[in-house]
């Protein structure tokens, strides 16, 4: 490994380490504290073991997020959809659209558009929509918004 490769790897590795609390918070919503720690440790071990291929991915964050959600699903025995995961990150853990995009590798513009479809960024549209349609869940709004945006693309 040459000096250039080592220097370009350091920021990406530290960026993934920076996301450890977010990965942990997400895992803890679906598992016990100890299981969440194991899931996050497994993810970081997987990233380290596959580092060369991960950094060559078009979206390394998407690769890591997909593995993380797979591990959580396997360990918890509960599969979720990407819309459910986004809804949880945004509505329950209160991550911003930019933070979700960075964490999951999903295009920020797609997320922002889906957020506008689901309710404006301030949450007032969500409040208004929930008063008009009390049966619509946050996850259903995200799913509908993603379906609309991906169908148009």
C-alpha atoms as a PDB file:
ATOM      1  CA  UNK A   1       0.000   0.000   0.000  1.00  0.00           C
ATOM      2  CA  UNK A   2       1.419   3.371  -0.975  1.00  0.00           C
ATOM      3  CA  UNK A   3       1.288   6.613   1.022  1.00  0.00           C
ATOM      4  CA  UNK A   4      -1.480   8.057  -1.166  1.00  0.00           C
ATOM      5  CA  UNK A   5      -3.747   5.047  -0.589  1.00  0.00           C
ATOM      6  CA  UNK A   6      -3.185   5.166   3.182  1.00  0.00           C
ATOM      7  CA  UNK A   7      -3.904   8.894   3.340  1.00  0.00           C
ATOM      8  CA  UNK A   8      -7.114   8.561   1.294  1.00  0.00           C
ATOM      9  CA  UNK A   9      -8.343   5.647   3.451  1.00  0.00           C
ATOM     10  CA  UNK A  10      -7.984   7.495   6.758  1.00  0.00           C
ATOM     11  CA  UNK A  11     -10.813  10.019   6.197  1.00  0.00           C
ATOM     12  CA  UNK A  12     -13.217   7.306   5.063  1.00  0.00           C
ATOM     13  CA  UNK A  13     -12.375   5.068   8.020  1.00  0.00           C
ATOM     14  CA  UNK A  14     -12.826   7.919  10.463  1.00  0.00           C
ATOM     15  CA  UNK A  15     -16.118   8.858   8.759  1.00  0.00           C
ATOM     16  CA  UNK A  16     -17.438   5.334   9.343  1.00  0.00           C
ATOM     17  CA  UNK A  17     -16.235   5.459  12.959  1.00  0.00           C
ATOM     18  CA  UNK A  18     -17.985   8.805  13.301  1.00  0.00           C
ATOM     19  CA  UNK A  19     -21.251   7.031  12.390  1.00  0.00           C
ATOM     20  CA  UNK A  20     -20.871   4.408  15.114  1.00  0.00           C
ATOM     21  CA  UNK A  21     -23.323   6.185  17.494  1.00  0.00           C
ATOM     22  CA  UNK A  22     -25.931   6.396  14.725  1.00  0.00           C
ATOM     23  CA  UNK A  23     -25.532   2.724  13.818  1.00  0.00           C
ATOM     24  CA  UNK A  24     -25.822   1.882  17.514  1.00  0.00           C
ATOM     25  CA  UNK A  25     -28.921   4.054  18.076  1.00  0.00           C
ATOM     26  CA  UNK A  26     -30.631   2.411  15.118  1.00  0.00           C
ATOM     27  CA  UNK A  27     -29.706  -1.095  16.272  1.00  0.00           C
ATOM     28  CA  UNK A  28     -30.858  -0.382  19.809  1.00  0.00           C
ATOM     29  CA  UNK A  29     -34.384   0.404  18.592  1.00  0.00           C
ATOM     30  CA  UNK A  30     -34.699  -3.179  17.371  1.00  0.00           C
ATOM     31  CA  UNK A  31     -32.538  -5.093  19.858  1.00  0.00           C
ATOM     32  CA  UNK A  32     -31.332  -5.145  23.429  1.00  0.00           C
ATOM     33  CA  UNK A  33     -28.379  -2.940  24.360  1.00  0.00           C
ATOM     34  CA  UNK A  34     -25.971  -5.879  24.255  1.00  0.00           C
ATOM     35  CA  UNK A  35     -27.318  -7.186  20.945  1.00  0.00           C
ATOM     36  CA  UNK A  36     -27.004  -3.682  19.470  1.00  0.00           C
ATOM     37  CA  UNK A  37     -23.356  -3.508  20.563  1.00  0.00           C
ATOM     38  CA  UNK A  38     -22.691  -6.897  18.965  1.00  0.00           C
ATOM     39  CA  UNK A  39     -24.420  -5.854  15.714  1.00  0.00           C
ATOM     40  CA  UNK A  40     -22.387  -2.636  15.450  1.00  0.00           C
ATOM     41  CA  UNK A  41     -19.133  -4.416  16.320  1.00  0.00           C
ATOM     42  CA  UNK A  42     -19.934  -7.000  13.653  1.00  0.00           C
ATOM     43  CA  UNK A  43     -20.552  -4.273  11.078  1.00  0.00           C
ATOM     44  CA  UNK A  44     -17.257  -2.510  11.779  1.00  0.00           C
ATOM     45  CA  UNK A  45     -15.421  -5.821  11.665  1.00  0.00           C
ATOM     46  CA  UNK A  46     -17.083  -6.586   8.324  1.00  0.00           C
ATOM     47  CA  UNK A  47     -16.109  -3.177   6.946  1.00  0.00           C
ATOM     48  CA  UNK A  48     -12.508  -3.648   8.126  1.00  0.00           C
ATOM     49  CA  UNK A  49     -12.306  -7.169   6.662  1.00  0.00           C
ATOM     50  CA  UNK A  50     -13.641  -5.971   3.291  1.00  0.00           C
ATOM     51  CA  UNK A  51     -12.035  -2.546   3.285  1.00  0.00           C
ATOM     52  CA  UNK A  52     -10.560  -2.675  -0.228  1.00  0.00           C
ATOM     53  CA  UNK A  53     -13.834  -3.687  -1.840  1.00  0.00           C
ATOM     54  CA  UNK A  54     -15.878  -1.294   0.331  1.00  0.00           C
ATOM     55  CA  UNK A  55     -13.863   1.769  -0.704  1.00  0.00           C
ATOM     56  CA  UNK A  56     -14.254   0.736  -4.340  1.00  0.00           C
ATOM     57  CA  UNK A  57     -18.037   0.666  -4.034  1.00  0.00           C
ATOM     58  CA  UNK A  58     -19.896   3.486  -5.726  1.00  0.00           C
ATOM     59  CA  UNK A  59     -21.527   4.319  -2.377  1.00  0.00           C
ATOM     60  CA  UNK A  60     -19.575   2.805   0.536  1.00  0.00           C
ATOM     61  CA  UNK A  61     -22.115   4.114   3.049  1.00  0.00           C
ATOM     62  CA  UNK A  62     -24.908   2.262   1.251  1.00  0.00           C
ATOM     63  CA  UNK A  63     -22.852  -0.936   1.347  1.00  0.00           C
ATOM     64  CA  UNK A  64     -22.294  -0.575   5.100  1.00  0.00           C
ATOM     65  CA  UNK A  65     -25.924   0.371   5.803  1.00  0.00           C
ATOM     66  CA  UNK A  66     -27.259  -2.598   3.848  1.00  0.00           C
ATOM     67  CA  UNK A  67     -25.007  -4.976   5.805  1.00  0.00           C
ATOM     68  CA  UNK A  68     -26.020  -3.317   9.075  1.00  0.00           C
ATOM     69  CA  UNK A  69     -29.745  -3.705   8.429  1.00  0.00           C
ATOM     70  CA  UNK A  70     -29.209  -7.318   7.302  1.00  0.00           C
ATOM     71  CA  UNK A  71     -27.365  -8.170  10.516  1.00  0.00           C
ATOM     72  CA  UNK A  72     -30.048  -6.519  12.645  1.00  0.00           C
ATOM     73  CA  UNK A  73     -32.809  -8.338  10.755  1.00  0.00           C
ATOM     74  CA  UNK A  74     -31.042 -11.670  11.140  1.00  0.00           C
ATOM     75  CA  UNK A  75     -30.273 -11.157  14.833  1.00  0.00           C
ATOM     76  CA  UNK A  76     -33.706  -9.741  15.734  1.00  0.00           C
ATOM     77  CA  UNK A  77     -35.718 -12.075  13.506  1.00  0.00           C
ATOM     78  CA  UNK A  78     -37.576  -9.080  12.071  1.00  0.00           C
ATOM     79  CA  UNK A  79     -37.170  -7.836   8.496  1.00  0.00           C
ATOM     80  CA  UNK A  80     -37.947  -4.211   7.742  1.00  0.00           C
ATOM     81  CA  UNK A  81     -38.283  -2.217   4.552  1.00  0.00           C
ATOM     82  CA  UNK A  82     -36.024   0.700   3.640  1.00  0.00           C
ATOM     83  CA  UNK A  83     -39.045   2.989   4.099  1.00  0.00           C
ATOM     84  CA  UNK A  84     -39.517   1.681   7.649  1.00  0.00           C
ATOM     85  CA  UNK A  85     -35.830   2.241   8.360  1.00  0.00           C
ATOM     86  CA  UNK A  86     -35.919   5.796   6.976  1.00  0.00           C
ATOM     87  CA  UNK A  87     -39.068   6.528   8.929  1.00  0.00           C
ATOM     88  CA  UNK A  88     -37.447   5.286  12.122  1.00  0.00           C
ATOM     89  CA  UNK A  89     -34.291   7.342  11.537  1.00  0.00           C
ATOM     90  CA  UNK A  90     -36.232  10.502  10.710  1.00  0.00           C
ATOM     91  CA  UNK A  91     -39.338  10.337  12.875  1.00  0.00           C
ATOM     92  CA  UNK A  92     -38.170   8.423  15.939  1.00  0.00           C
ATOM     93  CA  UNK A  93     -34.415   9.056  16.156  1.00  0.00           C
ATOM     94  CA  UNK A  94     -34.834  12.577  14.707  1.00  0.00           C
ATOM     95  CA  UNK A  95     -32.008  12.432  12.173  1.00  0.00           C
ATOM     96  CA  UNK A  96     -32.046  15.137   9.519  1.00  0.00           C
ATOM     97  CA  UNK A  97     -32.398  14.301   5.836  1.00  0.00           C
ATOM     98  CA  UNK A  98     -28.692  15.082   5.344  1.00  0.00           C
ATOM     99  CA  UNK A  99     -27.672  12.810   8.209  1.00  0.00           C
ATOM    100  CA  UNK A 100     -29.837   9.987   6.862  1.00  0.00           C
ATOM    101  CA  UNK A 101     -28.376  10.414   3.375  1.00  0.00           C
ATOM    102  CA  UNK A 102     -24.830  10.299   4.722  1.00  0.00           C
ATOM    103  CA  UNK A 103     -25.537   7.318   6.950  1.00  0.00           C
ATOM    104  CA  UNK A 104     -27.483   5.194   4.456  1.00  0.00           C
ATOM    105  CA  UNK A 105     -25.888   6.230   1.177  1.00  0.00           C
ATOM    106  CA  UNK A 106     -29.290   7.191  -0.239  1.00  0.00           C
ATOM    107  CA  UNK A 107     -29.240  10.282  -2.427  1.00  0.00           C
ATOM    108  CA  UNK A 108     -30.072  13.363  -0.330  1.00  0.00           C
ATOM    109  CA  UNK A 109     -32.197  14.853  -3.117  1.00  0.00           C
ATOM    110  CA  UNK A 110     -34.358  11.715  -3.230  1.00  0.00           C
ATOM    111  CA  UNK A 111     -34.763  11.801   0.555  1.00  0.00           C
ATOM    112  CA  UNK A 112     -35.580  15.515   0.554  1.00  0.00           C
ATOM    113  CA  UNK A 113     -38.171  15.016  -2.163  1.00  0.00           C
ATOM    114  CA  UNK A 114     -39.669  12.070  -0.308  1.00  0.00           C
ATOM    115  CA  UNK A 115     -39.728  14.175   2.858  1.00  0.00           C
ATOM    116  CA  UNK A 116     -41.622  16.926   1.043  1.00  0.00           C
ATOM    117  CA  UNK A 117     -44.071  14.325  -0.268  1.00  0.00           C
ATOM    118  CA  UNK A 118     -44.487  12.920   3.252  1.00  0.00           C
ATOM    119  CA  UNK A 119     -44.685  16.343   4.909  1.00  0.00           C
ATOM    120  CA  UNK A 120     -42.605  19.487   4.877  1.00  0.00           C
ATOM    121  CA  UNK A 121     -39.218  19.674   6.605  1.00  0.00           C
ATOM    122  CA  UNK A 122     -40.621  21.628   9.544  1.00  0.00           C
ATOM    123  CA  UNK A 123     -43.030  18.853  10.442  1.00  0.00           C
ATOM    124  CA  UNK A 124     -46.076  21.158  10.228  1.00  0.00           C
ATOM    125  CA  UNK A 125     -47.416  19.357   7.179  1.00  0.00           C
ATOM    126  CA  UNK A 126     -47.022  16.068   9.063  1.00  0.00           C
ATOM    127  CA  UNK A 127     -49.018  17.503  11.956  1.00  0.00           C
ATOM    128  CA  UNK A 128     -51.697  18.773   9.601  1.00  0.00           C
ATOM    129  CA  UNK A 129     -51.810  15.489   7.665  1.00  0.00           C
ATOM    130  CA  UNK A 130     -52.065  13.472  10.874  1.00  0.00           C
ATOM    131  CA  UNK A 131     -55.066  15.562  11.952  1.00  0.00           C
ATOM    132  CA  UNK A 132     -56.777  15.045   8.597  1.00  0.00           C
ATOM    133  CA  UNK A 133     -55.799  11.389   8.124  1.00  0.00           C
ATOM    134  CA  UNK A 134     -55.144   9.907  11.558  1.00  0.00           C
ATOM    135  CA  UNK A 135     -54.710   6.368  10.121  1.00  0.00           C
ATOM    136  CA  UNK A 136     -51.630   7.194   8.046  1.00  0.00           C
ATOM    137  CA  UNK A 137     -48.420   6.084   9.750  1.00  0.00           C
ATOM    138  CA  UNK A 138     -45.065   7.805   9.288  1.00  0.00           C
ATOM    139  CA  UNK A 139     -43.707   4.660   7.652  1.00  0.00           C
ATOM    140  CA  UNK A 140     -46.638   4.552   5.197  1.00  0.00           C
ATOM    141  CA  UNK A 141     -46.042   8.179   4.237  1.00  0.00           C
ATOM    142  CA  UNK A 142     -42.350   7.475   3.557  1.00  0.00           C
ATOM    143  CA  UNK A 143     -43.192   4.340   1.564  1.00  0.00           C
ATOM    144  CA  UNK A 144     -45.742   6.244  -0.555  1.00  0.00           C
ATOM    145  CA  UNK A 145     -43.307   9.114  -1.107  1.00  0.00           C
ATOM    146  CA  UNK A 146     -40.473   6.796  -2.170  1.00  0.00           C
ATOM    147  CA  UNK A 147     -42.785   4.939  -4.527  1.00  0.00           C
ATOM    148  CA  UNK A 148     -43.852   8.223  -6.118  1.00  0.00           C
ATOM    149  CA  UNK A 149     -40.283   9.518  -6.446  1.00  0.00           C
ATOM    150  CA  UNK A 150     -38.741   6.276  -7.754  1.00  0.00           C
ATOM    151  CA  UNK A 151     -41.599   5.743 -10.227  1.00  0.00           C
ATOM    152  CA  UNK A 152     -40.983   9.210 -11.661  1.00  0.00           C
ATOM    153  CA  UNK A 153     -37.216   8.638 -12.031  1.00  0.00           C
END
